[in-house]
Amino acid sequence: MSAEMDALVANATQKLEALEAALYGLEQVRGKFTTEDGAVTVEVNSEGALVGLSLSEAVTSMAPADVSQLIVWACRQASEDAGAQRSKVVATLNESFAPAPGGAAGAVGGGPDSA
């Protein structure tokens, strides 16, 4: 019985560590995008919220409406980058919870009717 309990605890510990790693990874996600002309650079967090905005002097010669559209477009691109990074973190987490070949994930000793 002790070996089964040790295996169960080890499995639970492994899953907890994978979850903690995923949470940390999600906190580290930053999407960044710079327009081709370098006029606008934006950075968003894992939720797509704007956390950084840099405008070059080139925007002073542009119409305000054009600058705002460029900023929004750059934010959208940075958010897509952040979304791709989030997907990788979640995929890694899902892999750690996938059933092991030849058995169910976390299965310890026998089926539901075993005593």
PDB file of N, CA and C in Angstrom:
ATOM      1  N   MET A   1       0.825  -1.199   0.000  1.00  0.00           N
ATOM      2  CA  MET A   1       0.000   0.000   0.000  1.00  0.00           C
ATOM      3  C   MET A   1       0.860   1.251   0.000  1.00  0.00           C
ATOM      4  N   SER A   2       2.003   1.216   0.661  1.00  0.00           N
ATOM      5  CA  SER A   2       2.878   2.376   0.732  1.00  0.00           C
ATOM      6  C   SER A   2       3.389   2.779  -0.655  1.00  0.00           C
ATOM      7  N   ALA A   3       3.707   1.805  -1.499  1.00  0.00           N
ATOM      8  CA  ALA A   3       4.193   2.111  -2.845  1.00  0.00           C
ATOM      9  C   ALA A   3       3.099   2.808  -3.656  1.00  0.00           C
ATOM     10  N   GLU A   4       1.857   2.362  -3.498  1.00  0.00           N
ATOM     11  CA  GLU A   4       0.746   3.002  -4.201  1.00  0.00           C
ATOM     12  C   GLU A   4       0.550   4.439  -3.719  1.00  0.00           C
ATOM     13  N   MET A   5       0.646   4.649  -2.421  1.00  0.00           N
ATOM     14  CA  MET A   5       0.490   5.990  -1.854  1.00  0.00           C
ATOM     15  C   MET A   5       1.632   6.886  -2.317  1.00  0.00           C
ATOM     16  N   ASP A   6       2.848   6.355  -2.337  1.00  0.00           N
ATOM     17  CA  ASP A   6       3.993   7.131  -2.818  1.00  0.00           C
ATOM     18  C   ASP A   6       3.791   7.538  -4.272  1.00  0.00           C
ATOM     19  N   ALA A   7       3.290   6.623  -5.093  1.00  0.00           N
ATOM     20  CA  ALA A   7       3.047   6.917  -6.506  1.00  0.00           C
ATOM     21  C   ALA A   7       1.958   7.972  -6.647  1.00  0.00           C
ATOM     22  N   LEU A   8       0.930   7.886  -5.849  1.00  0.00           N
ATOM     23  CA  LEU A   8      -0.159   8.854  -5.886  1.00  0.00           C
ATOM     24  C   LEU A   8       0.328  10.250  -5.484  1.00  0.00           C
ATOM     25  N   VAL A   9       1.113  10.323  -4.425  1.00  0.00           N
ATOM     26  CA  VAL A   9       1.656  11.603  -3.965  1.00  0.00           C
ATOM     27  C   VAL A   9       2.609  12.186  -5.013  1.00  0.00           C
ATOM     28  N   ALA A  10       3.440  11.343  -5.590  1.00  0.00           N
ATOM     29  CA  ALA A  10       4.380  11.802  -6.619  1.00  0.00           C
ATOM     30  C   ALA A  10       3.619  12.344  -7.829  1.00  0.00           C
ATOM     31  N   ASN A  11       2.560  11.661  -8.225  1.00  0.00           N
ATOM     32  CA  ASN A  11       1.755  12.108  -9.360  1.00  0.00           C
ATOM     33  C   ASN A  11       1.087  13.450  -9.061  1.00  0.00           C
ATOM     34  N   ALA A  12       0.536  13.578  -7.869  1.00  0.00           N
ATOM     35  CA  ALA A  12      -0.117  14.835  -7.486  1.00  0.00           C
ATOM     36  C   ALA A  12       0.903  15.971  -7.422  1.00  0.00           C
ATOM     37  N   THR A  13       2.076  15.688  -6.898  1.00  0.00           N
ATOM     38  CA  THR A  13       3.136  16.692  -6.816  1.00  0.00           C
ATOM     39  C   THR A  13       3.566  17.135  -8.205  1.00  0.00           C
ATOM     40  N   GLN A  14       3.702  16.187  -9.112  1.00  0.00           N
ATOM     41  CA  GLN A  14       4.098  16.504 -10.482  1.00  0.00           C
ATOM     42  C   GLN A  14       3.056  17.410 -11.148  1.00  0.00           C
ATOM     43  N   LYS A  15       1.794  17.111 -10.944  1.00  0.00           N
ATOM     44  CA  LYS A  15       0.730  17.912 -11.549  1.00  0.00           C
ATOM     45  C   LYS A  15       0.669  19.312 -10.935  1.00  0.00           C
ATOM     46  N   LEU A  16       0.887  19.407  -9.636  1.00  0.00           N
ATOM     47  CA  LEU A  16       0.916  20.708  -8.979  1.00  0.00           C
ATOM     48  C   LEU A  16       2.075  21.546  -9.516  1.00  0.00           C
ATOM     49  N   GLU A  17       3.232  20.929  -9.686  1.00  0.00           N
ATOM     50  CA  GLU A  17       4.387  21.655 -10.236  1.00  0.00           C
ATOM     51  C   GLU A  17       4.120  22.120 -11.668  1.00  0.00           C
ATOM     52  N   ALA A  18       3.445  21.282 -12.454  1.00  0.00           N
ATOM     53  CA  ALA A  18       3.108  21.663 -13.828  1.00  0.00           C
ATOM     54  C   ALA A  18       2.134  22.844 -13.829  1.00  0.00           C
ATOM     55  N   LEU A  19       1.183  22.824 -12.918  1.00  0.00           N
ATOM     56  CA  LEU A  19       0.227  23.924 -12.815  1.00  0.00           C
ATOM     57  C   LEU A  19       0.917  25.215 -12.383  1.00  0.00           C
ATOM     58  N   GLU A  20       1.806  25.124 -11.407  1.00  0.00           N
ATOM     59  CA  GLU A  20       2.545  26.304 -10.957  1.00  0.00           C
ATOM     60  C   GLU A  20       3.420  26.860 -12.080  1.00  0.00           C
ATOM     61  N   ALA A  21       4.047  25.975 -12.845  1.00  0.00           N
ATOM     62  CA  ALA A  21       4.875  26.412 -13.974  1.00  0.00           C
ATOM     63  C   ALA A  21       4.020  27.112 -15.023  1.00  0.00           C
ATOM     64  N   ALA A  22       2.826  26.607 -15.259  1.00  0.00           N
ATOM     65  CA  ALA A  22       1.928  27.229 -16.239  1.00  0.00           C
ATOM     66  C   ALA A  22       1.481  28.606 -15.760  1.00  0.00           C
ATOM     67  N   LEU A  23       1.146  28.721 -14.497  1.00  0.00           N
ATOM     68  CA  LEU A  23       0.738  30.025 -13.960  1.00  0.00           C
ATOM     69  C   LEU A  23       1.875  31.029 -14.067  1.00  0.00           C
ATOM     70  N   TYR A  24       3.078  30.592 -13.756  1.00  0.00           N
ATOM     71  CA  TYR A  24       4.239  31.470 -13.886  1.00  0.00           C
ATOM     72  C   TYR A  24       4.452  31.847 -15.348  1.00  0.00           C
ATOM     73  N   GLY A  25       4.339  30.865 -16.226  1.00  0.00           N
ATOM     74  CA  GLY A  25       4.512  31.119 -17.658  1.00  0.00           C
ATOM     75  C   GLY A  25       3.499  32.110 -18.186  1.00  0.00           C
ATOM     76  N   LEU A  26       2.259  32.014 -17.732  1.00  0.00           N
ATOM     77  CA  LEU A  26       1.222  32.949 -18.172  1.00  0.00           C
ATOM     78  C   LEU A  26       1.508  34.368 -17.692  1.00  0.00           C
ATOM     79  N   GLU A  27       2.081  34.483 -16.485  1.00  0.00           N
ATOM     80  CA  GLU A  27       2.434  35.804 -15.978  1.00  0.00           C
ATOM     81  C   GLU A  27       3.553  36.439 -16.803  1.00  0.00           C
ATOM     82  N   GLN A  28       4.405  35.610 -17.403  1.00  0.00           N
ATOM     83  CA  GLN A  28       5.555  36.112 -18.153  1.00  0.00           C
ATOM     84  C   GLN A  28       5.222  36.479 -19.601  1.00  0.00           C
ATOM     85  N   VAL A  29       4.050  36.097 -20.068  1.00  0.00           N
ATOM     86  CA  VAL A  29       3.684  36.353 -21.467  1.00  0.00           C
ATOM     87  C   VAL A  29       3.632  37.849 -21.733  1.00  0.00           C
ATOM     88  N   ARG A  30       4.303  38.248 -22.802  1.00  0.00           N
ATOM     89  CA  ARG A  30       4.257  39.624 -23.276  1.00  0.00           C
ATOM     90  C   ARG A  30       4.243  39.590 -24.796  1.00  0.00           C
ATOM     91  N   GLY A  31       3.222  40.182 -25.367  1.00  0.00           N
ATOM     92  CA  GLY A  31       3.162  40.302 -26.816  1.00  0.00           C
ATOM     93  C   GLY A  31       3.716  41.660 -27.202  1.00  0.00           C
ATOM     94  N   LYS A  32       4.540  41.678 -28.218  1.00  0.00           N
ATOM     95  CA  LYS A  32       5.156  42.938 -28.623  1.00  0.00           C
ATOM     96  C   LYS A  32       5.071  43.059 -30.137  1.00  0.00           C
ATOM     97  N   PHE A  33       4.835  44.274 -30.601  1.00  0.00           N
ATOM     98  CA  PHE A  33       4.780  44.500 -32.037  1.00  0.00           C
ATOM     99  C   PHE A  33       5.256  45.910 -32.340  1.00  0.00           C
ATOM    100  N   THR A  34       6.064  46.008 -33.396  1.00  0.00           N
ATOM    101  CA  THR A  34       6.529  47.293 -33.905  1.00  0.00           C
ATOM    102  C   THR A  34       6.128  47.392 -35.366  1.00  0.00           C
ATOM    103  N   THR A  35       5.558  48.523 -35.738  1.00  0.00           N
ATOM    104  CA  THR A  35       5.162  48.725 -37.135  1.00  0.00           C
ATOM    105  C   THR A  35       6.412  48.736 -38.017  1.00  0.00           C
ATOM    106  N   GLU A  36       6.214  48.427 -39.288  1.00  0.00           N
ATOM    107  CA  GLU A  36       7.342  48.336 -40.221  1.00  0.00           C
ATOM    108  C   GLU A  36       8.184  49.604 -40.258  1.00  0.00           C
ATOM    109  N   ASP A  37       7.523  50.747 -40.169  1.00  0.00           N
ATOM    110  CA  ASP A  37       8.257  52.011 -40.217  1.00  0.00           C
ATOM    111  C   ASP A  37       8.835  52.401 -38.859  1.00  0.00           C
ATOM    112  N   GLY A  38       8.554  51.610 -37.833  1.00  0.00           N
ATOM    113  CA  GLY A  38       9.079  51.881 -36.501  1.00  0.00           C
ATOM    114  C   GLY A  38       8.376  53.005 -35.768  1.00  0.00           C
ATOM    115  N   ALA A  39       7.288  53.509 -36.324  1.00  0.00           N
ATOM    116  CA  ALA A  39       6.593  54.638 -35.709  1.00  0.00           C
ATOM    117  C   ALA A  39       5.920  54.268 -34.399  1.00  0.00           C
ATOM    118  N   VAL A  40       5.410  53.038 -34.313  1.00  0.00           N
ATOM    119  CA  VAL A  40       4.660  52.614 -33.131  1.00  0.00           C
ATOM    120  C   VAL A  40       5.186  51.259 -32.658  1.00  0.00           C
ATOM    121  N   THR A  41       5.444  51.173 -31.367  1.00  0.00           N
ATOM    122  CA  THR A  41       5.785  49.902 -30.727  1.00  0.00           C
ATOM    123  C   THR A  41       4.854  49.743 -29.538  1.00  0.00           C
ATOM    124  N   VAL A  42       4.210  48.598 -29.451  1.00  0.00           N
ATOM    125  CA  VAL A  42       3.319  48.338 -28.313  1.00  0.00           C
ATOM    126  C   VAL A  42       3.711  47.024 -27.655  1.00  0.00           C
ATOM    127  N   GLU A  43       3.382  46.931 -26.385  1.00  0.00           N
ATOM    128  CA  GLU A  43       3.575  45.696 -25.633  1.00  0.00           C
ATOM    129  C   GLU A  43       2.306  45.452 -24.829  1.00  0.00           C
ATOM    130  N   VAL A  44       1.820  44.212 -24.869  1.00  0.00           N
ATOM    131  CA  VAL A  44       0.628  43.840 -24.122  1.00  0.00           C
ATOM    132  C   VAL A  44       0.958  42.676 -23.197  1.00  0.00           C
ATOM    133  N   ASN A  45       0.181  42.556 -22.125  1.00  0.00           N
ATOM    134  CA  ASN A  45       0.385  41.431 -21.217  1.00  0.00           C
ATOM    135  C   ASN A  45      -0.387  40.206 -21.702  1.00  0.00           C
ATOM    136  N   SER A  46      -0.418  39.170 -20.895  1.00  0.00           N
ATOM    137  CA  SER A  46      -1.043  37.909 -21.318  1.00  0.00           C
ATOM    138  C   SER A  46      -2.540  38.046 -21.555  1.00  0.00           C
ATOM    139  N   GLU A  47      -3.153  39.065 -20.993  1.00  0.00           N
ATOM    140  CA  GLU A  47      -4.586  39.288 -21.180  1.00  0.00           C
ATOM    141  C   GLU A  47      -4.869  40.255 -22.320  1.00  0.00           C
ATOM    142  N   GLY A  48      -3.821  40.753 -22.965  1.00  0.00           N
ATOM    143  CA  GLY A  48      -3.990  41.680 -24.070  1.00  0.00           C
ATOM    144  C   GLY A  48      -4.079  43.136 -23.647  1.00  0.00           C
ATOM    145  N   ALA A  49      -3.847  43.408 -22.363  1.00  0.00           N
ATOM    146  CA  ALA A  49      -3.884  44.792 -21.888  1.00  0.00           C
ATOM    147  C   ALA A  49      -2.578  45.496 -22.258  1.00  0.00           C
ATOM    148  N   LEU A  50      -2.693  46.709 -22.702  1.00  0.00           N
ATOM    149  CA  LEU A  50      -1.541  47.503 -23.104  1.00  0.00           C
ATOM    150  C   LEU A  50      -0.686  47.829 -21.882  1.00  0.00           C
ATOM    151  N   VAL A  51       0.593  47.439 -21.933  1.00  0.00           N
ATOM    152  CA  VAL A  51       1.512  47.728 -20.835  1.00  0.00           C
ATOM    153  C   VAL A  51       2.687  48.583 -21.291  1.00  0.00           C
ATOM    154  N   GLY A  52       2.808  48.797 -22.599  1.00  0.00           N
ATOM    155  CA  GLY A  52       3.884  49.629 -23.105  1.00  0.00           C
ATOM    156  C   GLY A  52       3.527  50.225 -24.450  1.00  0.00           C
ATOM    157  N   LEU A  53       3.839  51.503 -24.632  1.00  0.00           N
ATOM    158  CA  LEU A  53       3.571  52.188 -25.896  1.00  0.00           C
ATOM    159  C   LEU A  53       4.722  53.140 -26.164  1.00  0.00           C
ATOM    160  N   SER A  54       5.301  52.997 -27.337  1.00  0.00           N
ATOM    161  CA  SER A  54       6.383  53.878 -27.740  1.00  0.00           C
ATOM    162  C   SER A  54       6.056  54.443 -29.119  1.00  0.00           C
ATOM    163  N   LEU A  55       6.146  55.758 -29.230  1.00  0.00           N
ATOM    164  CA  LEU A  55       5.870  56.433 -30.493  1.00  0.00           C
ATOM    165  C   LEU A  55       7.143  57.143 -30.934  1.00  0.00           C
ATOM    166  N   SER A  56       7.511  56.975 -32.192  1.00  0.00           N
ATOM    167  CA  SER A  56       8.673  57.685 -32.706  1.00  0.00           C
ATOM    168  C   SER A  56       8.250  59.096 -33.106  1.00  0.00           C
ATOM    169  N   GLU A  57       9.205  59.903 -33.390  1.00  0.00           N
ATOM    170  CA  GLU A  57       8.917  61.274 -33.782  1.00  0.00           C
ATOM    171  C   GLU A  57       8.164  61.340 -35.113  1.00  0.00           C
ATOM    172  N   ALA A  58       8.215  60.254 -35.867  1.00  0.00           N
ATOM    173  CA  ALA A  58       7.521  60.214 -37.163  1.00  0.00           C
ATOM    174  C   ALA A  58       6.022  60.425 -37.032  1.00  0.00           C
ATOM    175  N   VAL A  59       5.449  60.094 -35.881  1.00  0.00           N
ATOM    176  CA  VAL A  59       3.999  60.248 -35.714  1.00  0.00           C
ATOM    177  C   VAL A  59       3.580  61.711 -35.689  1.00  0.00           C
ATOM    178  N   THR A  60       4.523  62.624 -35.459  1.00  0.00           N
ATOM    179  CA  THR A  60       4.161  64.052 -35.407  1.00  0.00           C
ATOM    180  C   THR A  60       3.772  64.586 -36.774  1.00  0.00           C
ATOM    181  N   SER A  61       4.180  63.872 -37.815  1.00  0.00           N
ATOM    182  CA  SER A  61       3.816  64.320 -39.160  1.00  0.00           C
ATOM    183  C   SER A  61       2.586  63.598 -39.692  1.00  0.00           C
ATOM    184  N   MET A  62       1.978  62.777 -38.871  1.00  0.00           N
ATOM    185  CA  MET A  62       0.802  62.009 -39.278  1.00  0.00           C
ATOM    186  C   MET A  62      -0.457  62.628 -38.685  1.00  0.00           C
ATOM    187  N   ALA A  63      -1.571  62.354 -39.336  1.00  0.00           N
ATOM    188  CA  ALA A  63      -2.863  62.797 -38.809  1.00  0.00           C
ATOM    189  C   ALA A  63      -3.179  62.010 -37.536  1.00  0.00           C
ATOM    190  N   PRO A  64      -3.758  62.664 -36.530  1.00  0.00           N
ATOM    191  CA  PRO A  64      -4.082  61.968 -35.284  1.00  0.00           C
ATOM    192  C   PRO A  64      -4.926  60.703 -35.500  1.00  0.00           C
ATOM    193  N   ALA A  65      -5.872  60.746 -36.420  1.00  0.00           N
ATOM    194  CA  ALA A  65      -6.716  59.574 -36.685  1.00  0.00           C
ATOM    195  C   ALA A  65      -5.872  58.415 -37.229  1.00  0.00           C
ATOM    196  N   ASP A  66      -4.885  58.741 -38.048  1.00  0.00           N
ATOM    197  CA  ASP A  66      -4.008  57.695 -38.589  1.00  0.00           C
ATOM    198  C   ASP A  66      -3.137  57.093 -37.496  1.00  0.00           C
ATOM    199  N   VAL A  67      -2.657  57.944 -36.598  1.00  0.00           N
ATOM    200  CA  VAL A  67      -1.832  57.450 -35.492  1.00  0.00           C
ATOM    201  C   VAL A  67      -2.666  56.536 -34.598  1.00  0.00           C
ATOM    202  N   SER A  68      -3.882  56.942 -34.301  1.00  0.00           N
ATOM    203  CA  SER A  68      -4.725  56.113 -33.430  1.00  0.00           C
ATOM    204  C   SER A  68      -5.033  54.770 -34.085  1.00  0.00           C
ATOM    205  N   GLN A  69      -5.298  54.761 -35.379  1.00  0.00           N
ATOM    206  CA  GLN A  69      -5.551  53.501 -36.075  1.00  0.00           C
ATOM    207  C   GLN A  69      -4.316  52.616 -36.072  1.00  0.00           C
ATOM    208  N   LEU A  70      -3.150  53.225 -36.231  1.00  0.00           N
ATOM    209  CA  LEU A  70      -1.900  52.483 -36.215  1.00  0.00           C
ATOM    210  C   LEU A  70      -1.660  51.862 -34.838  1.00  0.00           C
ATOM    211  N   ILE A  71      -1.962  52.609 -33.794  1.00  0.00           N
ATOM    212  CA  ILE A  71      -1.798  52.095 -32.430  1.00  0.00           C
ATOM    213  C   ILE A  71      -2.733  50.917 -32.198  1.00  0.00           C
ATOM    214  N   VAL A  72      -3.986  51.071 -32.588  1.00  0.00           N
ATOM    215  CA  VAL A  72      -4.958  49.989 -32.403  1.00  0.00           C
ATOM    216  C   VAL A  72      -4.540  48.754 -33.197  1.00  0.00           C
ATOM    217  N   TRP A  73      -4.095  48.945 -34.416  1.00  0.00           N
ATOM    218  CA  TRP A  73      -3.650  47.819 -35.247  1.00  0.00           C
ATOM    219  C   TRP A  73      -2.446  47.131 -34.616  1.00  0.00           C
ATOM    220  N   ALA A  74      -1.490  47.923 -34.120  1.00  0.00           N
ATOM    221  CA  ALA A  74      -0.305  47.346 -33.480  1.00  0.00           C
ATOM    222  C   ALA A  74      -0.699  46.573 -32.219  1.00  0.00           C
ATOM    223  N   CYS A  75      -1.666  47.090 -31.473  1.00  0.00           N
ATOM    224  CA  CYS A  75      -2.150  46.387 -30.272  1.00  0.00           C
ATOM    225  C   CYS A  75      -2.768  45.046 -30.651  1.00  0.00           C
ATOM    226  N   ARG A  76      -3.513  45.021 -31.729  1.00  0.00           N
ATOM    227  CA  ARG A  76      -4.135  43.782 -32.186  1.00  0.00           C
ATOM    228  C   ARG A  76      -3.051  42.753 -32.546  1.00  0.00           C
ATOM    229  N   GLN A  77      -2.006  43.205 -33.236  1.00  0.00           N
ATOM    230  CA  GLN A  77      -0.924  42.295 -33.613  1.00  0.00           C
ATOM    231  C   GLN A  77      -0.190  41.779 -32.379  1.00  0.00           C
ATOM    232  N   ALA A  78       0.067  42.657 -31.424  1.00  0.00           N
ATOM    233  CA  ALA A  78       0.741  42.243 -30.198  1.00  0.00           C
ATOM    234  C   ALA A  78      -0.129  41.279 -29.399  1.00  0.00           C
ATOM    235  N   SER A  79      -1.438  41.500 -29.404  1.00  0.00           N
ATOM    236  CA  SER A  79      -2.355  40.601 -28.699  1.00  0.00           C
ATOM    237  C   SER A  79      -2.367  39.212 -29.334  1.00  0.00           C
ATOM    238  N   GLU A  80      -2.269  39.162 -30.653  1.00  0.00           N
ATOM    239  CA  GLU A  80      -2.185  37.863 -31.329  1.00  0.00           C
ATOM    240  C   GLU A  80      -0.901  37.144 -30.938  1.00  0.00           C
ATOM    241  N   ASP A  81       0.183  37.880 -30.826  1.00  0.00           N
ATOM    242  CA  ASP A  81       1.451  37.295 -30.388  1.00  0.00           C
ATOM    243  C   ASP A  81       1.313  36.754 -28.966  1.00  0.00           C
ATOM    244  N   ALA A  82       0.714  37.532 -28.076  1.00  0.00           N
ATOM    245  CA  ALA A  82       0.515  37.088 -26.695  1.00  0.00           C
ATOM    246  C   ALA A  82      -0.385  35.852 -26.655  1.00  0.00           C
ATOM    247  N   GLY A  83      -1.414  35.840 -27.496  1.00  0.00           N
ATOM    248  CA  GLY A  83      -2.316  34.685 -27.546  1.00  0.00           C
ATOM    249  C   GLY A  83      -1.586  33.420 -27.976  1.00  0.00           C
ATOM    250  N   ALA A  84      -0.687  33.543 -28.929  1.00  0.00           N
ATOM    251  CA  ALA A  84       0.094  32.381 -29.373  1.00  0.00           C
ATOM    252  C   ALA A  84       0.993  31.889 -28.247  1.00  0.00           C
ATOM    253  N   GLN A  85       1.581  32.815 -27.512  1.00  0.00           N
ATOM    254  CA  GLN A  85       2.427  32.422 -26.380  1.00  0.00           C
ATOM    255  C   GLN A  85       1.596  31.731 -25.292  1.00  0.00           C
ATOM    256  N   ARG A  86       0.413  32.279 -25.016  1.00  0.00           N
ATOM    257  CA  ARG A  86      -0.478  31.658 -24.027  1.00  0.00           C
ATOM    258  C   ARG A  86      -0.851  30.249 -24.443  1.00  0.00           C
ATOM    259  N   SER A  87      -1.132  30.075 -25.725  1.00  0.00           N
ATOM    260  CA  SER A  87      -1.508  28.750 -26.233  1.00  0.00           C
ATOM    261  C   SER A  87      -0.397  27.737 -26.006  1.00  0.00           C
ATOM    262  N   LYS A  88       0.847  28.153 -26.188  1.00  0.00           N
ATOM    263  CA  LYS A  88       1.977  27.252 -25.954  1.00  0.00           C
ATOM    264  C   LYS A  88       2.071  26.842 -24.490  1.00  0.00           C
ATOM    265  N   VAL A  89       1.856  27.811 -23.595  1.00  0.00           N
ATOM    266  CA  VAL A  89       1.906  27.509 -22.160  1.00  0.00           C
ATOM    267  C   VAL A  89       0.807  26.517 -21.793  1.00  0.00           C
ATOM    268  N   VAL A  90      -0.391  26.748 -22.284  1.00  0.00           N
ATOM    269  CA  VAL A  90      -1.516  25.861 -21.979  1.00  0.00           C
ATOM    270  C   VAL A  90      -1.316  24.483 -22.599  1.00  0.00           C
ATOM    271  N   ALA A  91      -0.763  24.425 -23.806  1.00  0.00           N
ATOM    272  CA  ALA A  91      -0.498  23.133 -24.446  1.00  0.00           C
ATOM    273  C   ALA A  91       0.501  22.328 -23.627  1.00  0.00           C
ATOM    274  N   THR A  92       1.520  22.986 -23.108  1.00  0.00           N
ATOM    275  CA  THR A  92       2.493  22.297 -22.259  1.00  0.00           C
ATOM    276  C   THR A  92       1.818  21.769 -20.998  1.00  0.00           C
ATOM    277  N   LEU A  93       0.942  22.568 -20.418  1.00  0.00           N
ATOM    278  CA  LEU A  93       0.204  22.120 -19.231  1.00  0.00           C
ATOM    279  C   LEU A  93      -0.672  20.921 -19.573  1.00  0.00           C
ATOM    280  N   ASN A  94      -1.378  20.994 -20.689  1.00  0.00           N
ATOM    281  CA  ASN A  94      -2.245  19.885 -21.094  1.00  0.00           C
ATOM    282  C   ASN A  94      -1.448  18.603 -21.307  1.00  0.00           C
ATOM    283  N   GLU A  95      -0.258  18.723 -21.881  1.00  0.00           N
ATOM    284  CA  GLU A  95       0.587  17.546 -22.089  1.00  0.00           C
ATOM    285  C   GLU A  95       0.970  16.895 -20.762  1.00  0.00           C
ATOM    286  N   SER A  96       1.185  17.709 -19.747  1.00  0.00           N
ATOM    287  CA  SER A  96       1.577  17.154 -18.453  1.00  0.00           C
ATOM    288  C   SER A  96       0.416  16.432 -17.771  1.00  0.00           C
ATOM    289  N   PHE A  97      -0.812  16.738 -18.186  1.00  0.00           N
ATOM    290  CA  PHE A  97      -1.982  16.071 -17.618  1.00  0.00           C
ATOM    291  C   PHE A  97      -2.506  14.946 -18.502  1.00  0.00           C
ATOM    292  N   ALA A  98      -1.872  14.735 -19.643  1.00  0.00           N
ATOM    293  CA  ALA A  98      -2.320  13.682 -20.571  1.00  0.00           C
ATOM    294  C   ALA A  98      -2.060  12.315 -19.961  1.00  0.00           C
ATOM    295  N   PRO A  99      -2.923  11.360 -20.271  1.00  0.00           N
ATOM    296  CA  PRO A  99      -2.717  10.005 -19.753  1.00  0.00           C
ATOM    297  C   PRO A  99      -1.396   9.426 -20.263  1.00  0.00           C
ATOM    298  N   ALA A 100      -0.752   8.707 -19.386  1.00  0.00           N
ATOM    299  CA  ALA A 100       0.484   8.026 -19.779  1.00  0.00           C
ATOM    300  C   ALA A 100       0.131   6.893 -20.734  1.00  0.00           C
ATOM    301  N   PRO A 101       1.010   6.577 -21.678  1.00  0.00           N
ATOM    302  CA  PRO A 101       0.733   5.458 -22.596  1.00  0.00           C
ATOM    303  C   PRO A 101       0.485   4.173 -21.801  1.00  0.00           C
ATOM    304  N   GLY A 102      -0.590   3.518 -22.147  1.00  0.00           N
ATOM    305  CA  GLY A 102      -0.896   2.247 -21.494  1.00  0.00           C
ATOM    306  C   GLY A 102      -1.718   2.373 -20.230  1.00  0.00           C
ATOM    307  N   GLY A 103      -2.197   3.576 -19.923  1.00  0.00           N
ATOM    308  CA  GLY A 103      -3.007   3.692 -18.720  1.00  0.00           C
ATOM    309  C   GLY A 103      -3.527   5.104 -18.555  1.00  0.00           C
ATOM    310  N   ALA A 104      -4.413   5.260 -17.603  1.00  0.00           N
ATOM    311  CA  ALA A 104      -5.000   6.554 -17.344  1.00  0.00           C
ATOM    312  C   ALA A 104      -4.034   7.394 -16.525  1.00  0.00           C
ATOM    313  N   ALA A 105      -4.115   8.685 -16.671  1.00  0.00           N
ATOM    314  CA  ALA A 105      -3.268   9.585 -15.909  1.00  0.00           C
ATOM    315  C   ALA A 105      -3.586   9.459 -14.425  1.00  0.00           C
ATOM    316  N   GLY A 106      -2.574   9.257 -13.656  1.00  0.00           N
ATOM    317  CA  GLY A 106      -2.759   9.175 -12.227  1.00  0.00           C
ATOM    318  C   GLY A 106      -3.357   7.875 -11.748  1.00  0.00           C
ATOM    319  N   ALA A 107      -3.569   6.915 -12.631  1.00  0.00           N
ATOM    320  CA  ALA A 107      -4.145   5.651 -12.206  1.00  0.00           C
ATOM    321  C   ALA A 107      -3.130   4.893 -11.369  1.00  0.00           C
ATOM    322  N   VAL A 108      -3.570   4.469 -10.222  1.00  0.00           N
ATOM    323  CA  VAL A 108      -2.710   3.706  -9.333  1.00  0.00           C
ATOM    324  C   VAL A 108      -3.414   2.406  -9.009  1.00  0.00           C
ATOM    325  N   GLY A 109      -2.793   1.297  -9.350  1.00  0.00           N
ATOM    326  CA  GLY A 109      -3.251  -0.028  -8.961  1.00  0.00           C
ATOM    327  C   GLY A 109      -4.657  -0.414  -9.355  1.00  0.00           C
ATOM    328  N   GLY A 110      -4.914  -0.973 -10.459  1.00  0.00           N
ATOM    329  CA  GLY A 110      -6.169  -1.630 -10.786  1.00  0.00           C
ATOM    330  C   GLY A 110      -7.288  -0.718 -11.237  1.00  0.00           C
ATOM    331  N   GLY A 111      -8.418  -1.359 -11.496  1.00  0.00           N
ATOM    332  CA  GLY A 111      -9.582  -0.655 -12.004  1.00  0.00           C
ATOM    333  C   GLY A 111     -10.526  -0.273 -10.887  1.00  0.00           C
ATOM    334  N   PRO A 112     -11.707   0.229 -11.248  1.00  0.00           N
ATOM    335  CA  PRO A 112     -12.646   0.710 -10.244  1.00  0.00           C
ATOM    336  C   PRO A 112     -13.215  -0.408  -9.371  1.00  0.00           C
ATOM    337  N   ASP A 113     -13.196  -1.660  -9.857  1.00  0.00           N
ATOM    338  CA  ASP A 113     -13.758  -2.760  -9.083  1.00  0.00           C
ATOM    339  C   ASP A 113     -12.704  -3.512  -8.295  1.00  0.00           C
ATOM    340  N   SER A 114     -11.451  -3.099  -8.386  1.00  0.00           N
ATOM    341  CA  SER A 114     -10.410  -3.819  -7.650  1.00  0.00           C
ATOM    342  C   SER A 114     -10.449  -3.405  -6.193  1.00  0.00           C
ATOM    343  N   ALA A 115     -10.111  -4.324  -5.337  1.00  0.00           N
ATOM    344  CA  ALA A 115     -10.190  -4.026  -3.910  1.00  0.00           C
ATOM    345  C   ALA A 115      -8.834  -3.936  -3.283  1.00  0.00           C
TER     346      ALA A 115
END
